[in-house]
Amino acid sequence: MPRGRSTFTKRKKEQARQQKQRDKAERRVQRKQEKPEGGVVDTVDEMRELREHAEAQAALFRVGFEEEDSEESSTEDDTQDSE
């Protein structure tokens, strides 16, 4: 007995739905593989590195200020000595 047009359409529609589900599951698995494991740990490490870099930069600036402060205080001492 031949199948009707509606049966063929339903079967094709169901096959398309199943294929979409397989594609979606495959994309989900692929995203999980691309995502680095322990994403939170990476963020913590990145923040620690940024903080260390900022501290190093601040230390460099402080060295410059300390030299200027010592020069200013020695200049003040020289002017007080001459008075």
PDB file of N, CA and C in Angstrom:
ATOM      1  N   MET A   1       0.834  -1.170   0.000  1.00  0.00           N
ATOM      2  CA  MET A   1       0.000   0.000   0.000  1.00  0.00           C
ATOM      3  C   MET A   1       0.889   1.248   0.000  1.00  0.00           C
ATOM      4  N   PRO A   2       0.683   2.171  -0.941  1.00  0.00           N
ATOM      5  CA  PRO A   2       1.515   3.371  -1.014  1.00  0.00           C
ATOM      6  C   PRO A   2       1.190   4.354   0.114  1.00  0.00           C
ATOM      7  N   ARG A   3       2.257   5.010   0.529  1.00  0.00           N
ATOM      8  CA  ARG A   3       2.073   6.017   1.583  1.00  0.00           C
ATOM      9  C   ARG A   3       1.611   7.334   0.977  1.00  0.00           C
ATOM     10  N   GLY A   4       0.892   8.081   1.768  1.00  0.00           N
ATOM     11  CA  GLY A   4       0.390   9.362   1.294  1.00  0.00           C
ATOM     12  C   GLY A   4       1.432  10.465   1.425  1.00  0.00           C
ATOM     13  N   ARG A   5       1.153  11.579   0.853  1.00  0.00           N
ATOM     14  CA  ARG A   5       2.054  12.738   0.871  1.00  0.00           C
ATOM     15  C   ARG A   5       2.283  13.234   2.297  1.00  0.00           C
ATOM     16  N   SER A   6       1.262  13.225   3.115  1.00  0.00           N
ATOM     17  CA  SER A   6       1.393  13.732   4.482  1.00  0.00           C
ATOM     18  C   SER A   6       2.345  12.863   5.300  1.00  0.00           C
ATOM     19  N   THR A   7       2.345  11.552   5.062  1.00  0.00           N
ATOM     20  CA  THR A   7       3.255  10.664   5.776  1.00  0.00           C
ATOM     21  C   THR A   7       4.703  10.989   5.397  1.00  0.00           C
ATOM     22  N   PHE A   8       4.938  11.206   4.102  1.00  0.00           N
ATOM     23  CA  PHE A   8       6.285  11.544   3.624  1.00  0.00           C
ATOM     24  C   PHE A   8       6.748  12.870   4.248  1.00  0.00           C
ATOM     25  N   THR A   9       5.889  13.853   4.288  1.00  0.00           N
ATOM     26  CA  THR A   9       6.209  15.163   4.842  1.00  0.00           C
ATOM     27  C   THR A   9       6.502  15.058   6.331  1.00  0.00           C
ATOM     28  N   LYS A  10       5.687  14.296   7.036  1.00  0.00           N
ATOM     29  CA  LYS A  10       5.914  14.122   8.470  1.00  0.00           C
ATOM     30  C   LYS A  10       7.260  13.453   8.731  1.00  0.00           C
ATOM     31  N   ARG A  11       7.568  12.423   7.941  1.00  0.00           N
ATOM     32  CA  ARG A  11       8.825  11.707   8.130  1.00  0.00           C
ATOM     33  C   ARG A  11      10.019  12.633   7.871  1.00  0.00           C
ATOM     34  N   LYS A  12       9.958  13.414   6.821  1.00  0.00           N
ATOM     35  CA  LYS A  12      11.038  14.361   6.498  1.00  0.00           C
ATOM     36  C   LYS A  12      11.177  15.417   7.598  1.00  0.00           C
ATOM     37  N   LYS A  13      10.052  15.889   8.105  1.00  0.00           N
ATOM     38  CA  LYS A  13      10.075  16.888   9.164  1.00  0.00           C
ATOM     39  C   LYS A  13      10.717  16.324  10.433  1.00  0.00           C
ATOM     40  N   GLU A  14      10.383  15.092  10.786  1.00  0.00           N
ATOM     41  CA  GLU A  14      10.963  14.441  11.958  1.00  0.00           C
ATOM     42  C   GLU A  14      12.465  14.218  11.768  1.00  0.00           C
ATOM     43  N   GLN A  15      12.879  13.828  10.569  1.00  0.00           N
ATOM     44  CA  GLN A  15      14.303  13.633  10.293  1.00  0.00           C
ATOM     45  C   GLN A  15      15.063  14.954  10.424  1.00  0.00           C
ATOM     46  N   ALA A  16      14.474  16.043   9.954  1.00  0.00           N
ATOM     47  CA  ALA A  16      15.095  17.359  10.066  1.00  0.00           C
ATOM     48  C   ALA A  16      15.223  17.768  11.531  1.00  0.00           C
ATOM     49  N   ARG A  17      14.171  17.483  12.329  1.00  0.00           N
ATOM     50  CA  ARG A  17      14.207  17.816  13.755  1.00  0.00           C
ATOM     51  C   ARG A  17      15.316  17.041  14.458  1.00  0.00           C
ATOM     52  N   GLN A  18      15.432  15.767  14.169  1.00  0.00           N
ATOM     53  CA  GLN A  18      16.473  14.950  14.790  1.00  0.00           C
ATOM     54  C   GLN A  18      17.872  15.425  14.383  1.00  0.00           C
ATOM     55  N   GLN A  19      18.016  15.808  13.120  1.00  0.00           N
ATOM     56  CA  GLN A  19      19.314  16.300  12.656  1.00  0.00           C
ATOM     57  C   GLN A  19      19.677  17.600  13.366  1.00  0.00           C
ATOM     58  N   LYS A  20      18.706  18.477  13.568  1.00  0.00           N
ATOM     59  CA  LYS A  20      18.947  19.725  14.309  1.00  0.00           C
ATOM     60  C   LYS A  20      19.415  19.426  15.727  1.00  0.00           C
ATOM     61  N   GLN A  21      18.782  18.444  16.376  1.00  0.00           N
ATOM     62  CA  GLN A  21      19.177  18.070  17.729  1.00  0.00           C
ATOM     63  C   GLN A  21      20.613  17.556  17.754  1.00  0.00           C
ATOM     64  N   ARG A  22      20.975  16.732  16.776  1.00  0.00           N
ATOM     65  CA  ARG A  22      22.344  16.198  16.711  1.00  0.00           C
ATOM     66  C   ARG A  22      23.349  17.322  16.496  1.00  0.00           C
ATOM     67  N   ASP A  23      23.018  18.257  15.601  1.00  0.00           N
ATOM     68  CA  ASP A  23      23.909  19.395  15.340  1.00  0.00           C
ATOM     69  C   ASP A  23      24.093  20.254  16.596  1.00  0.00           C
ATOM     70  N   LYS A  24      22.992  20.482  17.284  1.00  0.00           N
ATOM     71  CA  LYS A  24      23.030  21.294  18.498  1.00  0.00           C
ATOM     72  C   LYS A  24      23.885  20.622  19.563  1.00  0.00           C
ATOM     73  N   ALA A  25      23.715  19.324  19.743  1.00  0.00           N
ATOM     74  CA  ALA A  25      24.510  18.580  20.728  1.00  0.00           C
ATOM     75  C   ALA A  25      25.991  18.607  20.350  1.00  0.00           C
ATOM     76  N   GLU A  26      26.273  18.495  19.075  1.00  0.00           N
ATOM     77  CA  GLU A  26      27.663  18.533  18.609  1.00  0.00           C
ATOM     78  C   GLU A  26      28.301  19.900  18.879  1.00  0.00           C
ATOM     79  N   ARG A  27      27.555  20.973  18.626  1.00  0.00           N
ATOM     80  CA  ARG A  27      28.075  22.317  18.906  1.00  0.00           C
ATOM     81  C   ARG A  27      28.323  22.504  20.396  1.00  0.00           C
ATOM     82  N   ARG A  28      27.406  21.981  21.230  1.00  0.00           N
ATOM     83  CA  ARG A  28      27.556  22.091  22.680  1.00  0.00           C
ATOM     84  C   ARG A  28      28.836  21.390  23.144  1.00  0.00           C
ATOM     85  N   VAL A  29      29.072  20.193  22.639  1.00  0.00           N
ATOM     86  CA  VAL A  29      30.285  19.443  22.997  1.00  0.00           C
ATOM     87  C   VAL A  29      31.526  20.198  22.526  1.00  0.00           C
ATOM     88  N   GLN A  30      31.453  20.759  21.335  1.00  0.00           N
ATOM     89  CA  GLN A  30      32.595  21.496  20.784  1.00  0.00           C
ATOM     90  C   GLN A  30      32.908  22.725  21.632  1.00  0.00           C
ATOM     91  N   ARG A  31      31.885  23.452  22.088  1.00  0.00           N
ATOM     92  CA  ARG A  31      32.108  24.622  22.947  1.00  0.00           C
ATOM     93  C   ARG A  31      32.749  24.214  24.265  1.00  0.00           C
ATOM     94  N   LYS A  32      32.302  23.082  24.827  1.00  0.00           N
ATOM     95  CA  LYS A  32      32.874  22.610  26.081  1.00  0.00           C
ATOM     96  C   LYS A  32      34.347  22.271  25.908  1.00  0.00           C
ATOM     97  N   GLN A  33      34.707  21.697  24.769  1.00  0.00           N
ATOM     98  CA  GLN A  33      36.105  21.338  24.515  1.00  0.00           C
ATOM     99  C   GLN A  33      36.963  22.578  24.308  1.00  0.00           C
ATOM    100  N   GLU A  34      36.419  23.593  23.661  1.00  0.00           N
ATOM    101  CA  GLU A  34      37.161  24.824  23.416  1.00  0.00           C
ATOM    102  C   GLU A  34      37.352  25.624  24.695  1.00  0.00           C
ATOM    103  N   LYS A  35      36.385  25.528  25.591  1.00  0.00           N
ATOM    104  CA  LYS A  35      36.445  26.271  26.843  1.00  0.00           C
ATOM    105  C   LYS A  35      37.556  25.682  27.709  1.00  0.00           C
ATOM    106  N   PRO A  36      38.479  26.535  28.205  1.00  0.00           N
ATOM    107  CA  PRO A  36      39.562  26.003  29.037  1.00  0.00           C
ATOM    108  C   PRO A  36      39.014  25.446  30.346  1.00  0.00           C
ATOM    109  N   GLU A  37      39.608  24.365  30.781  1.00  0.00           N
ATOM    110  CA  GLU A  37      39.169  23.758  32.040  1.00  0.00           C
ATOM    111  C   GLU A  37      39.562  24.662  33.192  1.00  0.00           C
ATOM    112  N   GLY A  38      38.714  24.735  34.182  1.00  0.00           N
ATOM    113  CA  GLY A  38      39.001  25.584  35.338  1.00  0.00           C
ATOM    114  C   GLY A  38      39.035  27.048  34.962  1.00  0.00           C
ATOM    115  N   GLY A  39      38.033  27.536  34.295  1.00  0.00           N
ATOM    116  CA  GLY A  39      37.978  28.928  33.868  1.00  0.00           C
ATOM    117  C   GLY A  39      38.106  29.902  35.024  1.00  0.00           C
ATOM    118  N   VAL A  40      37.595  29.543  36.182  1.00  0.00           N
ATOM    119  CA  VAL A  40      37.678  30.419  37.355  1.00  0.00           C
ATOM    120  C   VAL A  40      39.120  30.537  37.803  1.00  0.00           C
ATOM    121  N   VAL A  41      39.848  29.438  37.771  1.00  0.00           N
ATOM    122  CA  VAL A  41      41.251  29.450  38.184  1.00  0.00           C
ATOM    123  C   VAL A  41      42.058  30.352  37.255  1.00  0.00           C
ATOM    124  N   ASP A  42      41.788  30.277  35.944  1.00  0.00           N
ATOM    125  CA  ASP A  42      42.493  31.128  34.994  1.00  0.00           C
ATOM    126  C   ASP A  42      42.237  32.595  35.296  1.00  0.00           C
ATOM    127  N   THR A  43      41.013  32.935  35.640  1.00  0.00           N
ATOM    128  CA  THR A  43      40.671  34.317  35.951  1.00  0.00           C
ATOM    129  C   THR A  43      41.408  34.772  37.205  1.00  0.00           C
ATOM    130  N   VAL A  44      41.492  33.899  38.201  1.00  0.00           N
ATOM    131  CA  VAL A  44      42.193  34.237  39.434  1.00  0.00           C
ATOM    132  C   VAL A  44      43.678  34.450  39.138  1.00  0.00           C
ATOM    133  N   ASP A  45      44.261  33.573  38.328  1.00  0.00           N
ATOM    134  CA  ASP A  45      45.678  33.715  37.966  1.00  0.00           C
ATOM    135  C   ASP A  45      45.906  35.018  37.202  1.00  0.00           C
ATOM    136  N   GLU A  46      44.991  35.332  36.307  1.00  0.00           N
ATOM    137  CA  GLU A  46      45.120  36.556  35.527  1.00  0.00           C
ATOM    138  C   GLU A  46      45.045  37.786  36.434  1.00  0.00           C
ATOM    139  N   MET A  47      44.118  37.763  37.381  1.00  0.00           N
ATOM    140  CA  MET A  47      43.993  38.889  38.311  1.00  0.00           C
ATOM    141  C   MET A  47      45.247  39.024  39.177  1.00  0.00           C
ATOM    142  N   ARG A  48      45.801  37.887  39.607  1.00  0.00           N
ATOM    143  CA  ARG A  48      47.019  37.916  40.419  1.00  0.00           C
ATOM    144  C   ARG A  48      48.172  38.527  39.619  1.00  0.00           C
ATOM    145  N   GLU A  49      48.302  38.109  38.349  1.00  0.00           N
ATOM    146  CA  GLU A  49      49.356  38.658  37.513  1.00  0.00           C
ATOM    147  C   GLU A  49      49.183  40.164  37.317  1.00  0.00           C
ATOM    148  N   LEU A  50      47.950  40.600  37.088  1.00  0.00           N
ATOM    149  CA  LEU A  50      47.699  42.031  36.917  1.00  0.00           C
ATOM    150  C   LEU A  50      48.040  42.805  38.189  1.00  0.00           C
ATOM    151  N   ARG A  51      47.686  42.234  39.336  1.00  0.00           N
ATOM    152  CA  ARG A  51      47.979  42.889  40.612  1.00  0.00           C
ATOM    153  C   ARG A  51      49.494  43.002  40.825  1.00  0.00           C
ATOM    154  N   GLU A  52      50.222  41.907  40.512  1.00  0.00           N
ATOM    155  CA  GLU A  52      51.678  41.935  40.659  1.00  0.00           C
ATOM    156  C   GLU A  52      52.296  42.982  39.735  1.00  0.00           C
ATOM    157  N   HIS A  53      51.785  43.055  38.522  1.00  0.00           N
ATOM    158  CA  HIS A  53      52.294  44.037  37.569  1.00  0.00           C
ATOM    159  C   HIS A  53      52.028  45.455  38.079  1.00  0.00           C
ATOM    160  N   ALA A  54      50.834  45.681  38.609  1.00  0.00           N
ATOM    161  CA  ALA A  54      50.489  47.004  39.140  1.00  0.00           C
ATOM    162  C   ALA A  54      51.383  47.358  40.320  1.00  0.00           C
ATOM    163  N   GLU A  55      51.656  46.374  41.178  1.00  0.00           N
ATOM    164  CA  GLU A  55      52.541  46.631  42.321  1.00  0.00           C
ATOM    165  C   GLU A  55      53.954  46.972  41.850  1.00  0.00           C
ATOM    166  N   ALA A  56      54.418  46.272  40.814  1.00  0.00           N
ATOM    167  CA  ALA A  56      55.753  46.552  40.280  1.00  0.00           C
ATOM    168  C   ALA A  56      55.807  47.970  39.707  1.00  0.00           C
ATOM    169  N   GLN A  57      54.761  48.352  38.989  1.00  0.00           N
ATOM    170  CA  GLN A  57      54.711  49.699  38.430  1.00  0.00           C
ATOM    171  C   GLN A  57      54.677  50.744  39.554  1.00  0.00           C
ATOM    172  N   ALA A  58      53.892  50.479  40.579  1.00  0.00           N
ATOM    173  CA  ALA A  58      53.805  51.410  41.703  1.00  0.00           C
ATOM    174  C   ALA A  58      55.158  51.521  42.394  1.00  0.00           C
ATOM    175  N   ALA A  59      55.858  50.397  42.520  1.00  0.00           N
ATOM    176  CA  ALA A  59      57.180  50.419  43.150  1.00  0.00           C
ATOM    177  C   ALA A  59      58.136  51.281  42.333  1.00  0.00           C
ATOM    178  N   LEU A  60      58.058  51.187  41.016  1.00  0.00           N
ATOM    179  CA  LEU A  60      58.916  52.015  40.163  1.00  0.00           C
ATOM    180  C   LEU A  60      58.635  53.494  40.384  1.00  0.00           C
ATOM    181  N   PHE A  61      57.363  53.842  40.467  1.00  0.00           N
ATOM    182  CA  PHE A  61      57.011  55.240  40.684  1.00  0.00           C
ATOM    183  C   PHE A  61      57.425  55.697  42.070  1.00  0.00           C
ATOM    184  N   ARG A  62      57.289  54.829  43.053  1.00  0.00           N
ATOM    185  CA  ARG A  62      57.691  55.194  44.411  1.00  0.00           C
ATOM    186  C   ARG A  62      59.187  55.447  44.498  1.00  0.00           C
ATOM    187  N   VAL A  63      59.982  54.682  43.748  1.00  0.00           N
ATOM    188  CA  VAL A  63      61.432  54.880  43.754  1.00  0.00           C
ATOM    189  C   VAL A  63      61.736  56.292  43.267  1.00  0.00           C
ATOM    190  N   GLY A  64      61.072  56.726  42.228  1.00  0.00           N
ATOM    191  CA  GLY A  64      61.279  58.071  41.710  1.00  0.00           C
ATOM    192  C   GLY A  64      60.889  59.130  42.716  1.00  0.00           C
ATOM    193  N   PHE A  65      59.781  58.927  43.407  1.00  0.00           N
ATOM    194  CA  PHE A  65      59.336  59.898  44.402  1.00  0.00           C
ATOM    195  C   PHE A  65      60.276  59.922  45.602  1.00  0.00           C
ATOM    196  N   GLU A  66      60.764  58.774  46.010  1.00  0.00           N
ATOM    197  CA  GLU A  66      61.670  58.719  47.150  1.00  0.00           C
ATOM    198  C   GLU A  66      62.960  59.479  46.843  1.00  0.00           C
ATOM    199  N   GLU A  67      63.463  59.343  45.619  1.00  0.00           N
ATOM    200  CA  GLU A  67      64.670  60.068  45.235  1.00  0.00           C
ATOM    201  C   GLU A  67      64.413  61.565  45.248  1.00  0.00           C
ATOM    202  N   GLU A  68      63.256  61.983  44.719  1.00  0.00           N
ATOM    203  CA  GLU A  68      62.923  63.405  44.712  1.00  0.00           C
ATOM    204  C   GLU A  68      62.763  63.915  46.137  1.00  0.00           C
ATOM    205  N   ASP A  69      62.109  63.129  46.998  1.00  0.00           N
ATOM    206  CA  ASP A  69      61.922  63.524  48.390  1.00  0.00           C
ATOM    207  C   ASP A  69      63.267  63.678  49.085  1.00  0.00           C
ATOM    208  N   SER A  70      64.178  62.756  48.848  1.00  0.00           N
ATOM    209  CA  SER A  70      65.479  62.831  49.508  1.00  0.00           C
ATOM    210  C   SER A  70      66.277  64.013  48.962  1.00  0.00           C
ATOM    211  N   GLU A  71      66.153  64.318  47.673  1.00  0.00           N
ATOM    212  CA  GLU A  71      66.834  65.468  47.098  1.00  0.00           C
ATOM    213  C   GLU A  71      66.270  66.763  47.677  1.00  0.00           C
ATOM    214  N   GLU A  72      64.925  66.831  47.801  1.00  0.00           N
ATOM    215  CA  GLU A  72      64.299  68.031  48.350  1.00  0.00           C
ATOM    216  C   GLU A  72      64.695  68.229  49.807  1.00  0.00           C
ATOM    217  N   SER A  73      64.723  67.149  50.561  1.00  0.00           N
ATOM    218  CA  SER A  73      65.083  67.281  51.969  1.00  0.00           C
ATOM    219  C   SER A  73      66.557  67.650  52.115  1.00  0.00           C
ATOM    220  N   SER A  74      67.423  67.122  51.227  1.00  0.00           N
ATOM    221  CA  SER A  74      68.835  67.494  51.314  1.00  0.00           C
ATOM    222  C   SER A  74      69.019  68.944  50.879  1.00  0.00           C
ATOM    223  N   THR A  75      68.225  69.424  49.933  1.00  0.00           N
ATOM    224  CA  THR A  75      68.287  70.819  49.507  1.00  0.00           C
ATOM    225  C   THR A  75      67.797  71.714  50.641  1.00  0.00           C
ATOM    226  N   GLU A  76      66.772  71.307  51.327  1.00  0.00           N
ATOM    227  CA  GLU A  76      66.265  72.067  52.457  1.00  0.00           C
ATOM    228  C   GLU A  76      67.304  72.105  53.565  1.00  0.00           C
ATOM    229  N   ASP A  77      67.985  70.994  53.786  1.00  0.00           N
ATOM    230  CA  ASP A  77      69.032  70.949  54.819  1.00  0.00           C
ATOM    231  C   ASP A  77      70.174  71.892  54.452  1.00  0.00           C
ATOM    232  N   ASP A  78      70.524  71.936  53.176  1.00  0.00           N
ATOM    233  CA  ASP A  78      71.611  72.815  52.723  1.00  0.00           C
ATOM    234  C   ASP A  78      71.238  74.280  52.918  1.00  0.00           C
ATOM    235  N   THR A  79      69.996  74.631  52.632  1.00  0.00           N
ATOM    236  CA  THR A  79      69.571  76.019  52.776  1.00  0.00           C
ATOM    237  C   THR A  79      69.492  76.400  54.259  1.00  0.00           C
ATOM    238  N   GLN A  80      69.127  75.464  55.097  1.00  0.00           N
ATOM    239  CA  GLN A  80      69.062  75.739  56.533  1.00  0.00           C
ATOM    240  C   GLN A  80      70.457  75.875  57.102  1.00  0.00           C
ATOM    241  N   ASP A  81      71.418  75.099  56.596  1.00  0.00           N
ATOM    242  CA  ASP A  81      72.789  75.173  57.073  1.00  0.00           C
ATOM    243  C   ASP A  81      73.421  76.525  56.740  1.00  0.00           C
ATOM    244  N   SER A  82      73.108  77.061  55.571  1.00  0.00           N
ATOM    245  CA  SER A  82      73.720  78.300  55.141  1.00  0.00           C
ATOM    246  C   SER A  82      73.127  79.508  55.864  1.00  0.00           C
ATOM    247  N   GLU A  83      71.960  79.378  56.430  1.00  0.00           N
ATOM    248  CA  GLU A  83      71.330  80.504  57.124  1.00  0.00           C
ATOM    249  C   GLU A  83      71.911  80.723  58.446  1.00  0.00           C
TER     250      GLU A  83
END
